[in-house]
Amino acid sequence: MPHIVIKTISGPSQKQLQDAAEQIAAVVNKTMGKPDKYISVSVEEYSFEEWEGVYNEYIKGRENVLVKPGYSDPKTFR
């Protein structure tokens, strides 16, 4: 605990994903006071075509999404 999942559209390099995961883990350590040994971060990559399903299942209308995206249409990102 805690385990953080990054869901993203495919594209970032492995280094970018690794850097993001490490920085997110560091922020969780700093802000929540969780020791590094308890923090894990995974990445799930999706195609543009798959993203609508991700949006509808994990983002749209969910109260636990604390930072909302600036779009409401996952096909056009508007």
C-alpha atoms as a PDB file:
ATOM      1  CA  MET A   1       0.000   0.000   0.000  1.00  0.00           C
ATOM      2  CA  PRO A   2      -0.448   2.339  -1.740  1.00  0.00           C
ATOM      3  CA  HIS A   3      -0.470   1.036  -5.301  1.00  0.00           C
ATOM      4  CA  ILE A   4      -0.859   3.624  -8.044  1.00  0.00           C
ATOM      5  CA  VAL A   5      -1.969   2.746 -11.575  1.00  0.00           C
ATOM      6  CA  ILE A   6      -1.153   5.036 -14.482  1.00  0.00           C
ATOM      7  CA  LYS A   7      -3.540   4.468 -17.390  1.00  0.00           C
ATOM      8  CA  THR A   8      -2.348   6.198 -20.537  1.00  0.00           C
ATOM      9  CA  ILE A   9      -2.569   6.143 -24.288  1.00  0.00           C
ATOM     10  CA  SER A  10       0.463   4.384 -25.768  1.00  0.00           C
ATOM     11  CA  GLY A  11       3.274   6.621 -26.863  1.00  0.00           C
ATOM     12  CA  PRO A  12       5.579   7.651 -24.040  1.00  0.00           C
ATOM     13  CA  SER A  13       8.963   5.931 -24.037  1.00  0.00           C
ATOM     14  CA  GLN A  14       9.866   3.400 -21.355  1.00  0.00           C
ATOM     15  CA  LYS A  15      12.166   6.022 -19.797  1.00  0.00           C
ATOM     16  CA  GLN A  16       9.348   8.590 -19.678  1.00  0.00           C
ATOM     17  CA  LEU A  17       7.046   6.049 -18.036  1.00  0.00           C
ATOM     18  CA  GLN A  18       9.745   5.049 -15.531  1.00  0.00           C
ATOM     19  CA  ASP A  19      10.493   8.701 -14.703  1.00  0.00           C
ATOM     20  CA  ALA A  20       6.787   9.475 -14.223  1.00  0.00           C
ATOM     21  CA  ALA A  21       6.295   6.427 -11.989  1.00  0.00           C
ATOM     22  CA  GLU A  22       9.299   7.350  -9.835  1.00  0.00           C
ATOM     23  CA  GLN A  23       8.197  10.977  -9.500  1.00  0.00           C
ATOM     24  CA  ILE A  24       4.648   9.967  -8.582  1.00  0.00           C
ATOM     25  CA  ALA A  25       6.010   7.563  -5.961  1.00  0.00           C
ATOM     26  CA  ALA A  26       8.166  10.364  -4.545  1.00  0.00           C
ATOM     27  CA  VAL A  27       5.154  12.690  -4.286  1.00  0.00           C
ATOM     28  CA  VAL A  28       3.129   9.997  -2.504  1.00  0.00           C
ATOM     29  CA  ASN A  29       6.036   9.472  -0.122  1.00  0.00           C
ATOM     30  CA  LYS A  30       6.304  13.206   0.577  1.00  0.00           C
ATOM     31  CA  THR A  31       2.617  14.129   0.813  1.00  0.00           C
ATOM     32  CA  MET A  32       1.181  10.994   2.397  1.00  0.00           C
ATOM     33  CA  GLY A  33       4.175  10.005   4.477  1.00  0.00           C
ATOM     34  CA  LYS A  34       4.268   6.487   3.051  1.00  0.00           C
ATOM     35  CA  PRO A  35       7.718   4.844   3.067  1.00  0.00           C
ATOM     36  CA  ASP A  36       9.168   4.013  -0.351  1.00  0.00           C
ATOM     37  CA  LYS A  37       9.148   0.296   0.415  1.00  0.00           C
ATOM     38  CA  TYR A  38       5.326   0.345   0.568  1.00  0.00           C
ATOM     39  CA  ILE A  39       4.714   2.264  -2.675  1.00  0.00           C
ATOM     40  CA  SER A  40       4.239   0.559  -6.028  1.00  0.00           C
ATOM     41  CA  VAL A  41       3.345   2.050  -9.402  1.00  0.00           C
ATOM     42  CA  SER A  42       2.204   0.233 -12.536  1.00  0.00           C
ATOM     43  CA  VAL A  43       1.477   1.472 -16.057  1.00  0.00           C
ATOM     44  CA  GLU A  44      -1.293   0.312 -18.370  1.00  0.00           C
ATOM     45  CA  GLU A  45      -1.089   1.509 -21.967  1.00  0.00           C
ATOM     46  CA  TYR A  46      -4.066   1.699 -24.314  1.00  0.00           C
ATOM     47  CA  SER A  47      -4.654   2.585 -27.952  1.00  0.00           C
ATOM     48  CA  PHE A  48      -6.726   5.624 -28.932  1.00  0.00           C
ATOM     49  CA  GLU A  49      -9.520   3.232 -29.879  1.00  0.00           C
ATOM     50  CA  GLU A  50      -9.464   1.630 -26.411  1.00  0.00           C
ATOM     51  CA  TRP A  51      -9.397   4.929 -24.526  1.00  0.00           C
ATOM     52  CA  GLU A  52     -13.154   5.545 -24.729  1.00  0.00           C
ATOM     53  CA  GLY A  53     -13.705   2.343 -22.744  1.00  0.00           C
ATOM     54  CA  VAL A  54     -11.119   3.391 -20.147  1.00  0.00           C
ATOM     55  CA  TYR A  55     -12.725   6.827 -19.858  1.00  0.00           C
ATOM     56  CA  ASN A  56     -16.224   5.398 -19.461  1.00  0.00           C
ATOM     57  CA  GLU A  57     -15.194   2.763 -16.923  1.00  0.00           C
ATOM     58  CA  TYR A  58     -12.636   4.575 -14.769  1.00  0.00           C
ATOM     59  CA  ILE A  59     -13.132   8.336 -15.208  1.00  0.00           C
ATOM     60  CA  LYS A  60     -16.614   9.441 -16.295  1.00  0.00           C
ATOM     61  CA  GLY A  61     -18.901  10.174 -13.349  1.00  0.00           C
ATOM     62  CA  ARG A  62     -16.501   8.695 -10.783  1.00  0.00           C
ATOM     63  CA  GLU A  63     -16.306  10.482  -7.440  1.00  0.00           C
ATOM     64  CA  ASN A  64     -12.859   9.012  -6.728  1.00  0.00           C
ATOM     65  CA  VAL A  65     -11.335  10.851  -9.720  1.00  0.00           C
ATOM     66  CA  LEU A  66      -9.945  13.788  -7.766  1.00  0.00           C
ATOM     67  CA  VAL A  67      -8.345  15.539 -10.739  1.00  0.00           C
ATOM     68  CA  LYS A  68     -10.879  15.640 -13.571  1.00  0.00           C
ATOM     69  CA  PRO A  69      -9.774  15.774 -17.222  1.00  0.00           C
ATOM     70  CA  GLY A  70     -10.448  18.905 -19.244  1.00  0.00           C
ATOM     71  CA  TYR A  71     -12.512  16.978 -21.782  1.00  0.00           C
ATOM     72  CA  SER A  72     -15.807  15.102 -21.756  1.00  0.00           C
ATOM     73  CA  ASP A  73     -15.582  13.380 -25.143  1.00  0.00           C
ATOM     74  CA  PRO A  74     -12.869  10.705 -25.183  1.00  0.00           C
ATOM     75  CA  LYS A  75     -13.059  10.427 -28.984  1.00  0.00           C
ATOM     76  CA  THR A  76     -12.125  14.053 -29.667  1.00  0.00           C
ATOM     77  CA  PHE A  77     -10.678  15.095 -26.276  1.00  0.00           C
ATOM     78  CA  ARG A  78     -12.986  18.111 -26.227  1.00  0.00           C
END
